[in-house]
Structure formats: structure tokens, C-alpha cells
C-alpha atoms as a PDB file:
ATOM      1  CA  MET A   1      99.287  72.030 -64.880  1.00  0.00           C
ATOM      2  CA  ARG A   2     102.806  70.681 -65.332  1.00  0.00           C
ATOM      3  CA  TRP A   3     103.016  67.574 -67.480  1.00  0.00           C
ATOM      4  CA  TRP A   4     104.389  65.260 -64.782  1.00  0.00           C
ATOM      5  CA  LEU A   5     101.699  66.042 -62.206  1.00  0.00           C
ATOM      6  CA  PRO A   6      99.029  63.386 -61.605  1.00  0.00           C
ATOM      7  CA  THR A   7      95.684  63.471 -63.388  1.00  0.00           C
ATOM      8  CA  GLN A   8      93.983  61.175 -60.879  1.00  0.00           C
ATOM      9  CA  LYS A   9      94.501  59.945 -57.349  1.00  0.00           C
ATOM     10  CA  VAL A  10      97.960  58.405 -56.924  1.00  0.00           C
ATOM     11  CA  PRO A  11      99.906  56.981 -53.988  1.00  0.00           C
ATOM     12  CA  ALA A  12     100.858  59.453 -51.263  1.00  0.00           C
ATOM     13  CA  GLU A  13     104.566  59.014 -51.970  1.00  0.00           C
ATOM     14  CA  TRP A  14     104.166  60.493 -55.461  1.00  0.00           C
ATOM     15  CA  LYS A  15     104.962  64.092 -54.496  1.00  0.00           C
ATOM     16  CA  ASP A  16     108.184  63.071 -52.766  1.00  0.00           C
ATOM     17  CA  TYR A  17     109.133  60.877 -55.721  1.00  0.00           C
ATOM     18  CA  VAL A  18     108.576  63.709 -58.207  1.00  0.00           C
ATOM     19  CA  ALA A  19     110.563  66.105 -56.041  1.00  0.00           C
ATOM     20  CA  ARG A  20     113.541  63.748 -56.047  1.00  0.00           C
ATOM     21  CA  GLN A  21     113.482  63.287 -59.822  1.00  0.00           C
ATOM     22  CA  ARG A  22     113.101  66.999 -60.624  1.00  0.00           C
ATOM     23  CA  SER A  23     115.380  68.389 -57.916  1.00  0.00           C
ATOM     24  CA  ALA A  24     117.827  71.220 -58.577  1.00  0.00           C
ATOM     25  CA  ALA A  25     120.544  69.076 -56.990  1.00  0.00           C
ATOM     26  CA  LEU A  26     119.992  66.335 -59.558  1.00  0.00           C
ATOM     27  CA  ARG A  27     119.999  68.847 -62.403  1.00  0.00           C
ATOM     28  CA  LYS A  28     123.300  70.283 -61.192  1.00  0.00           C
ATOM     29  CA  ALA A  29     124.872  66.894 -60.435  1.00  0.00           C
ATOM     30  CA  ASN A  30     128.186  65.816 -61.947  1.00  0.00           C
ATOM     31  CA  LEU A  31     127.722  63.312 -64.788  1.00  0.00           C
ATOM     32  CA  GLN A  32     130.551  61.200 -63.390  1.00  0.00           C
ATOM     33  CA  THR A  33     128.832  60.662 -60.041  1.00  0.00           C
ATOM     34  CA  VAL A  34     125.087  60.980 -60.722  1.00  0.00           C
ATOM     35  CA  PRO A  35     123.170  57.664 -60.850  1.00  0.00           C
ATOM     36  CA  LEU A  36     122.270  56.756 -64.437  1.00  0.00           C
ATOM     37  CA  LEU A  37     119.826  54.045 -65.450  1.00  0.00           C
ATOM     38  CA  VAL A  38     120.245  52.856 -69.031  1.00  0.00           C
ATOM     39  CA  LEU A  39     117.190  51.109 -70.449  1.00  0.00           C
ATOM     40  CA  ASP A  40     115.826  49.424 -73.528  1.00  0.00           C
ATOM     41  CA  THR A  41     112.471  47.908 -74.397  1.00  0.00           C
ATOM     42  CA  GLU A  42     111.406  45.282 -76.890  1.00  0.00           C
ATOM     43  CA  THR A  43     107.866  45.866 -78.100  1.00  0.00           C
ATOM     44  CA  SER A  44     105.082  44.374 -80.188  1.00  0.00           C
ATOM     45  CA  GLY A  45     105.242  47.153 -82.778  1.00  0.00           C
ATOM     46  CA  LEU A  46     106.298  50.712 -83.561  1.00  0.00           C
ATOM     47  CA  ASP A  47     102.959  52.498 -83.123  1.00  0.00           C
ATOM     48  CA  THR A  48     102.790  53.929 -79.600  1.00  0.00           C
ATOM     49  CA  LYS A  49      98.986  53.792 -79.748  1.00  0.00           C
ATOM     50  CA  THR A  50      98.927  50.004 -80.089  1.00  0.00           C
ATOM     51  CA  ALA A  51     102.394  48.691 -79.154  1.00  0.00           C
ATOM     52  CA  ARG A  52     102.912  46.811 -75.909  1.00  0.00           C
ATOM     53  CA  ILE A  53     106.176  46.391 -74.037  1.00  0.00           C
ATOM     54  CA  LEU A  54     107.271  42.758 -74.197  1.00  0.00           C
ATOM     55  CA  SER A  55     110.482  43.074 -72.225  1.00  0.00           C
ATOM     56  CA  LEU A  56     112.377  45.787 -70.377  1.00  0.00           C
ATOM     57  CA  GLY A  57     116.092  45.740 -69.636  1.00  0.00           C
ATOM     58  CA  VAL A  58     117.977  48.141 -67.361  1.00  0.00           C
ATOM     59  CA  VAL A  59     121.661  48.651 -66.557  1.00  0.00           C
ATOM     60  CA  PRO A  60     122.526  51.026 -63.688  1.00  0.00           C
ATOM     61  CA  ILE A  61     125.685  53.117 -63.888  1.00  0.00           C
ATOM     62  CA  GLN A  62     127.142  54.178 -60.545  1.00  0.00           C
ATOM     63  CA  GLN A  63     130.185  56.429 -60.243  1.00  0.00           C
ATOM     64  CA  GLY A  64     130.771  56.091 -63.966  1.00  0.00           C
ATOM     65  CA  ARG A  65     130.815  52.269 -63.955  1.00  0.00           C
ATOM     66  CA  LEU A  66     128.283  49.703 -65.065  1.00  0.00           C
ATOM     67  CA  SER A  67     126.671  47.975 -62.096  1.00  0.00           C
ATOM     68  CA  VAL A  68     126.332  44.531 -63.638  1.00  0.00           C
ATOM     69  CA  PRO A  69     124.986  42.783 -60.491  1.00  0.00           C
ATOM     70  CA  HIS A  70     122.064  45.225 -60.367  1.00  0.00           C
ATOM     71  CA  SER A  71     121.161  44.916 -64.043  1.00  0.00           C
ATOM     72  CA  GLN A  72     117.723  43.513 -64.653  1.00  0.00           C
ATOM     73  CA  GLU A  73     115.494  42.242 -67.431  1.00  0.00           C
ATOM     74  CA  TRP A  74     111.767  41.673 -67.118  1.00  0.00           C
ATOM     75  CA  ILE A  75     109.500  39.802 -69.515  1.00  0.00           C
ATOM     76  CA  ILE A  76     105.991  41.200 -69.410  1.00  0.00           C
ATOM     77  CA  ARG A  77     103.001  38.904 -69.611  1.00  0.00           C
ATOM     78  CA  GLN A  78     101.211  39.478 -72.883  1.00  0.00           C
ATOM     79  CA  PRO A  79      98.523  37.332 -74.522  1.00  0.00           C
ATOM     80  CA  PHE A  80     100.105  37.157 -77.988  1.00  0.00           C
ATOM     81  CA  GLU A  81     103.026  38.042 -80.242  1.00  0.00           C
ATOM     82  CA  GLY A  82     103.291  36.249 -83.542  1.00  0.00           C
ATOM     83  CA  GLN A  83     106.579  37.845 -84.615  1.00  0.00           C
ATOM     84  CA  ALA A  84     108.164  38.185 -81.189  1.00  0.00           C
ATOM     85  CA  ALA A  85     110.173  34.968 -81.379  1.00  0.00           C
ATOM     86  CA  ALA A  86     111.589  35.817 -84.799  1.00  0.00           C
ATOM     87  CA  ILE A  87     112.601  39.368 -83.865  1.00  0.00           C
ATOM     88  CA  HIS A  88     113.202  39.341 -80.101  1.00  0.00           C
ATOM     89  CA  GLY A  89     113.610  35.652 -79.340  1.00  0.00           C
ATOM     90  CA  LEU A  90     110.557  35.699 -77.075  1.00  0.00           C
ATOM     91  CA  THR A  91     108.111  32.836 -77.396  1.00  0.00           C
ATOM     92  CA  ASN A  92     104.397  32.955 -76.688  1.00  0.00           C
ATOM     93  CA  THR A  93     105.063  30.679 -73.712  1.00  0.00           C
ATOM     94  CA  GLN A  94     107.608  33.118 -72.249  1.00  0.00           C
ATOM     95  CA  LEU A  95     105.204  36.025 -72.713  1.00  0.00           C
ATOM     96  CA  ALA A  96     102.340  34.085 -71.168  1.00  0.00           C
ATOM     97  CA  GLN A  97     104.509  33.297 -68.123  1.00  0.00           C
ATOM     98  CA  GLY A  98     105.925  36.798 -67.747  1.00  0.00           C
ATOM     99  CA  GLU A  99     105.182  39.285 -64.983  1.00  0.00           C
ATOM    100  CA  SER A 100     102.271  41.698 -65.096  1.00  0.00           C
ATOM    101  CA  GLU A 101     102.751  45.168 -66.558  1.00  0.00           C
ATOM    102  CA  GLU A 102     101.989  46.736 -63.194  1.00  0.00           C
ATOM    103  CA  ALA A 103     104.476  44.554 -61.289  1.00  0.00           C
ATOM    104  CA  VAL A 104     107.228  45.302 -63.813  1.00  0.00           C
ATOM    105  CA  PHE A 105     106.468  49.006 -63.862  1.00  0.00           C
ATOM    106  CA  ARG A 106     106.528  49.284 -60.074  1.00  0.00           C
ATOM    107  CA  ALA A 107     109.846  47.387 -59.898  1.00  0.00           C
ATOM    108  CA  PHE A 108     111.236  49.719 -62.556  1.00  0.00           C
ATOM    109  CA  TRP A 109     109.796  52.723 -60.703  1.00  0.00           C
ATOM    110  CA  ASP A 110     111.701  51.745 -57.539  1.00  0.00           C
ATOM    111  CA  LEU A 111     114.962  51.089 -59.391  1.00  0.00           C
ATOM    112  CA  ALA A 112     114.733  54.385 -61.302  1.00  0.00           C
ATOM    113  CA  ASP A 113     114.320  56.495 -58.164  1.00  0.00           C
ATOM    114  CA  GLY A 114     116.985  59.215 -58.098  1.00  0.00           C
ATOM    115  CA  SER A 115     118.468  58.304 -61.486  1.00  0.00           C
ATOM    116  CA  ILE A 116     118.757  60.010 -64.850  1.00  0.00           C
ATOM    117  CA  LEU A 117     117.127  57.730 -67.436  1.00  0.00           C
ATOM    118  CA  VAL A 118     119.088  56.977 -70.614  1.00  0.00           C
ATOM    119  CA  GLY A 119     118.323  55.179 -73.858  1.00  0.00           C
ATOM    120  CA  HIS A 120     119.213  55.142 -77.532  1.00  0.00           C
ATOM    121  CA  HIS A 121     116.700  56.990 -79.728  1.00  0.00           C
ATOM    122  CA  VAL A 122     114.825  56.921 -76.474  1.00  0.00           C
ATOM    123  CA  GLY A 123     111.689  58.846 -77.453  1.00  0.00           C
ATOM    124  CA  PHE A 124     109.723  55.686 -78.253  1.00  0.00           C
ATOM    125  CA  ASP A 125     110.707  53.930 -75.007  1.00  0.00           C
ATOM    126  CA  ARG A 126     109.967  57.082 -73.061  1.00  0.00           C
ATOM    127  CA  LYS A 127     106.498  57.331 -74.576  1.00  0.00           C
ATOM    128  CA  LEU A 128     105.571  53.725 -73.799  1.00  0.00           C
ATOM    129  CA  LEU A 129     106.896  53.868 -70.223  1.00  0.00           C
ATOM    130  CA  SER A 130     105.060  57.129 -69.633  1.00  0.00           C
ATOM    131  CA  LEU A 131     101.870  55.508 -70.895  1.00  0.00           C
ATOM    132  CA  LEU A 132     102.369  52.682 -68.387  1.00  0.00           C
ATOM    133  CA  CYS A 133     102.875  55.243 -65.636  1.00  0.00           C
ATOM    134  CA  GLN A 134      99.739  57.059 -66.774  1.00  0.00           C
ATOM    135  CA  GLN A 135      97.807  53.811 -66.740  1.00  0.00           C
ATOM    136  CA  HIS A 136      98.904  52.625 -63.308  1.00  0.00           C
ATOM    137  CA  LEU A 137      99.483  55.899 -61.444  1.00  0.00           C
ATOM    138  CA  GLY A 138      97.622  58.491 -63.472  1.00  0.00           C
ATOM    139  CA  CYS A 139     100.765  60.492 -64.284  1.00  0.00           C
ATOM    140  CA  LYS A 140     103.792  60.552 -66.571  1.00  0.00           C
ATOM    141  CA  LEU A 141     107.330  59.690 -65.554  1.00  0.00           C
ATOM    142  CA  PRO A 142     108.946  62.804 -64.068  1.00  0.00           C
ATOM    143  CA  HIS A 143     112.587  61.874 -64.691  1.00  0.00           C
ATOM    144  CA  PHE A 144     115.256  63.712 -66.619  1.00  0.00           C
ATOM    145  CA  TRP A 145     116.203  61.787 -69.780  1.00  0.00           C
ATOM    146  CA  LEU A 146     119.313  61.532 -71.965  1.00  0.00           C
ATOM    147  CA  ASP A 147     119.514  60.034 -75.462  1.00  0.00           C
ATOM    148  CA  THR A 148     122.821  58.466 -76.501  1.00  0.00           C
ATOM    149  CA  ALA A 149     122.050  59.158 -80.173  1.00  0.00           C
ATOM    150  CA  ARG A 150     121.733  62.873 -79.394  1.00  0.00           C
ATOM    151  CA  LEU A 151     124.867  62.786 -77.223  1.00  0.00           C
ATOM    152  CA  ALA A 152     126.808  61.227 -80.095  1.00  0.00           C
ATOM    153  CA  GLU A 153     125.519  63.887 -82.498  1.00  0.00           C
ATOM    154  CA  ARG A 154     126.572  66.611 -80.099  1.00  0.00           C
ATOM    155  CA  LEU A 155     130.013  65.116 -79.571  1.00  0.00           C
ATOM    156  CA  GLU A 156     130.702  64.498 -83.263  1.00  0.00           C
ATOM    157  CA  LEU A 157     128.799  67.312 -84.999  1.00  0.00           C
ATOM    158  CA  GLY A 158     128.518  70.062 -82.420  1.00  0.00           C
ATOM    159  CA  ARG A 159     125.847  71.268 -80.055  1.00  0.00           C
ATOM    160  CA  HIS A 160     123.568  73.051 -82.517  1.00  0.00           C
ATOM    161  CA  VAL A 161     123.629  70.724 -85.528  1.00  0.00           C
ATOM    162  CA  ARG A 162     120.110  69.334 -85.943  1.00  0.00           C
ATOM    163  CA  GLU A 163     119.239  69.565 -89.651  1.00  0.00           C
ATOM    164  CA  GLY A 164     120.254  66.938 -92.171  1.00  0.00           C
ATOM    165  CA  VAL A 165     121.664  64.414 -89.704  1.00  0.00           C
ATOM    166  CA  ASP A 166     121.897  60.914 -91.188  1.00  0.00           C
ATOM    167  CA  ARG A 167     120.014  58.879 -88.610  1.00  0.00           C
ATOM    168  CA  LYS A 168     121.582  55.648 -89.851  1.00  0.00           C
ATOM    169  CA  GLN A 169     125.033  56.954 -88.926  1.00  0.00           C
ATOM    170  CA  PHE A 170     123.816  57.320 -85.342  1.00  0.00           C
ATOM    171  CA  SER A 171     122.080  53.970 -85.005  1.00  0.00           C
ATOM    172  CA  LEU A 172     123.196  51.793 -82.115  1.00  0.00           C
ATOM    173  CA  ASP A 173     124.957  49.389 -84.473  1.00  0.00           C
ATOM    174  CA  ALA A 174     126.788  52.172 -86.335  1.00  0.00           C
ATOM    175  CA  LEU A 175     127.939  53.843 -83.128  1.00  0.00           C
ATOM    176  CA  ALA A 176     128.983  50.553 -81.543  1.00  0.00           C
ATOM    177  CA  GLU A 177     131.218  49.917 -84.541  1.00  0.00           C
ATOM    178  CA  ARG A 178     132.589  53.464 -84.517  1.00  0.00           C
ATOM    179  CA  TYR A 179     133.386  53.353 -80.798  1.00  0.00           C
ATOM    180  CA  HIS A 180     134.747  49.800 -80.907  1.00  0.00           C
ATOM    181  CA  ILE A 181     132.012  48.226 -78.816  1.00  0.00           C
ATOM    182  CA  GLN A 182     131.009  44.615 -79.320  1.00  0.00           C
ATOM    183  CA  PRO A 183     127.166  44.580 -79.276  1.00  0.00           C
ATOM    184  CA  LEU A 184     125.666  42.157 -76.777  1.00  0.00           C
ATOM    185  CA  GLU A 185     122.660  40.052 -77.788  1.00  0.00           C
ATOM    186  CA  ARG A 186     121.166  42.555 -80.223  1.00  0.00           C
ATOM    187  CA  HIS A 187     117.380  42.880 -80.204  1.00  0.00           C
ATOM    188  CA  THR A 188     117.045  41.774 -76.611  1.00  0.00           C
ATOM    189  CA  ALA A 189     116.169  44.409 -74.039  1.00  0.00           C
ATOM    190  CA  LEU A 190     119.058  43.651 -71.695  1.00  0.00           C
ATOM    191  CA  GLY A 191     121.597  43.133 -74.480  1.00  0.00           C
ATOM    192  CA  ASP A 192     120.760  46.477 -76.096  1.00  0.00           C
ATOM    193  CA  ALA A 193     120.733  48.203 -72.706  1.00  0.00           C
ATOM    194  CA  PHE A 194     124.272  46.875 -72.035  1.00  0.00           C
ATOM    195  CA  THR A 195     125.499  48.043 -75.444  1.00  0.00           C
ATOM    196  CA  THR A 196     123.921  51.458 -74.872  1.00  0.00           C
ATOM    197  CA  ALA A 197     125.488  51.684 -71.409  1.00  0.00           C
ATOM    198  CA  LEU A 198     128.964  50.933 -72.797  1.00  0.00           C
ATOM    199  CA  LEU A 199     128.416  53.568 -75.478  1.00  0.00           C
ATOM    200  CA  LEU A 200     127.225  56.083 -72.880  1.00  0.00           C
ATOM    201  CA  VAL A 201     130.406  55.725 -70.818  1.00  0.00           C
ATOM    202  CA  LYS A 202     132.523  56.491 -73.885  1.00  0.00           C
ATOM    203  CA  LEU A 203     130.370  59.426 -74.980  1.00  0.00           C
ATOM    204  CA  LEU A 204     130.417  61.016 -71.529  1.00  0.00           C
ATOM    205  CA  ALA A 205     134.214  60.685 -71.446  1.00  0.00           C
ATOM    206  CA  GLY A 206     134.427  62.521 -74.756  1.00  0.00           C
ATOM    207  CA  LEU A 207     132.013  65.223 -73.641  1.00  0.00           C
ATOM    208  CA  ARG A 208     133.884  65.635 -70.366  1.00  0.00           C
ATOM    209  CA  GLU A 209     137.035  66.430 -72.365  1.00  0.00           C
ATOM    210  CA  ARG A 210     135.050  69.281 -73.919  1.00  0.00           C
ATOM    211  CA  GLY A 211     133.970  70.695 -70.592  1.00  0.00           C
ATOM    212  CA  VAL A 212     130.544  69.039 -70.330  1.00  0.00           C
ATOM    213  CA  GLU A 213     130.408  67.822 -66.742  1.00  0.00           C
ATOM    214  CA  ARG A 214     126.934  68.603 -65.363  1.00  0.00           C
ATOM    215  CA  VAL A 215     123.535  67.077 -66.067  1.00  0.00           C
ATOM    216  CA  GLN A 216     122.048  70.487 -66.833  1.00  0.00           C
ATOM    217  CA  GLN A 217     124.482  70.975 -69.713  1.00  0.00           C
ATOM    218  CA  LEU A 218     122.808  68.110 -71.564  1.00  0.00           C
ATOM    219  CA  LEU A 219     119.147  68.744 -70.793  1.00  0.00           C
END
């Protein structure tokens, strides 16, 4: 069974949703025109087995431009977070008054429809969002994903360089400095999503100069 297929009963629209996210047309789409949804999460920890998403920020990119009016940040209702205020600026009161995980996930699900998902060192975010999808729909997110850290490595070091890469040189802060981007509200979901989106636009411009124009060239 393919990994994105449901493991339990899910809404009837699931098959159509999966088909849209995995379509050949989307794979072959031009990176300048395909809808991109840049995301970032702030979480309670770094262990995917125990961490919970505290906030989720998204910045759509349409026709190569950030769609600021459609950017969104959700705070998810959680019962605790002792260090959240110090690290993410989220208080226990904010978390207690946030939206439910299911409500946030379903809003994200609707916004992500038809988009390539993008993040920086996105594996952790991808895992947690897939776990939410598994929990609420019995399946993993079917989307194509891009990682701005990997795109930067490819642009600067070449397509096949994987060994010995200094991860610190490809952190969001390091790349923002290298590409002359002023980080916005670091360690908030929406602020980091905006910074990542600005970085993505610059990286795609550089890759386009090297003949990388289609989604499938980066998957």
C-alpha cells in the first residue's frame, strides 16, 4: 500500500484530494507559477514521539510572489508549556485559548490544497503534520515537499553533494545573512515562515538561472 493512502475510514473527498496533490500536472508545473505554501511550526520539543505543535504559520506564494493577505498563523490549544514563553513567546494563557488541533489541521488542509509545501529543514515539521493527519484522517499528507536548506545546498554546492555538509552554514539565520534577508520575528511560526518564503524566492531565482524550472527537477 502506498504511504499516503488511508489506514482507516476517511472523508469521501480524500481520494480527490490525494489525486490533486500527486498529479502529473503538478509534478511538471513551472516553479514560477505553481502555488507554493511555505510553513513553519513552533513545538513543545524536538522528539517527534512526544512533541506537540504549539503554533503553525503559513505564507502562500502565488506567481512567484508572497501573498501577504493570505498568510496565516494559528495557535493550537495545548494544556501546558513551561518553556514556550521563553522560546516562542507563547504564554500558557495563549495556548489554553488557542484553537483545537483538528480545527487548525483542517484549515491548513484546505489552504494547502493544490500547493507544493515548503519549509526549512522541513523533515521535523513534515513528520508532525503527517502525524496530525494520521490522527484526524487516518492517513499521511500526500503533498510534494521542498526544503529550502536542501535547495540552498544544491544551488551553492551542486546537485549531488550530500556528504560533509556543514549544517550550521545552511541554517535559516546563516542563509538569511548570506542572501541579505532581514529575519522577521525569529522563533515565531509566522515570522520564520516569512523569512523562509523570502529565502525561497531568491533560491528559485538562482536555480532558474541554472535551468531548473520544473517541480519535478527538485523532487
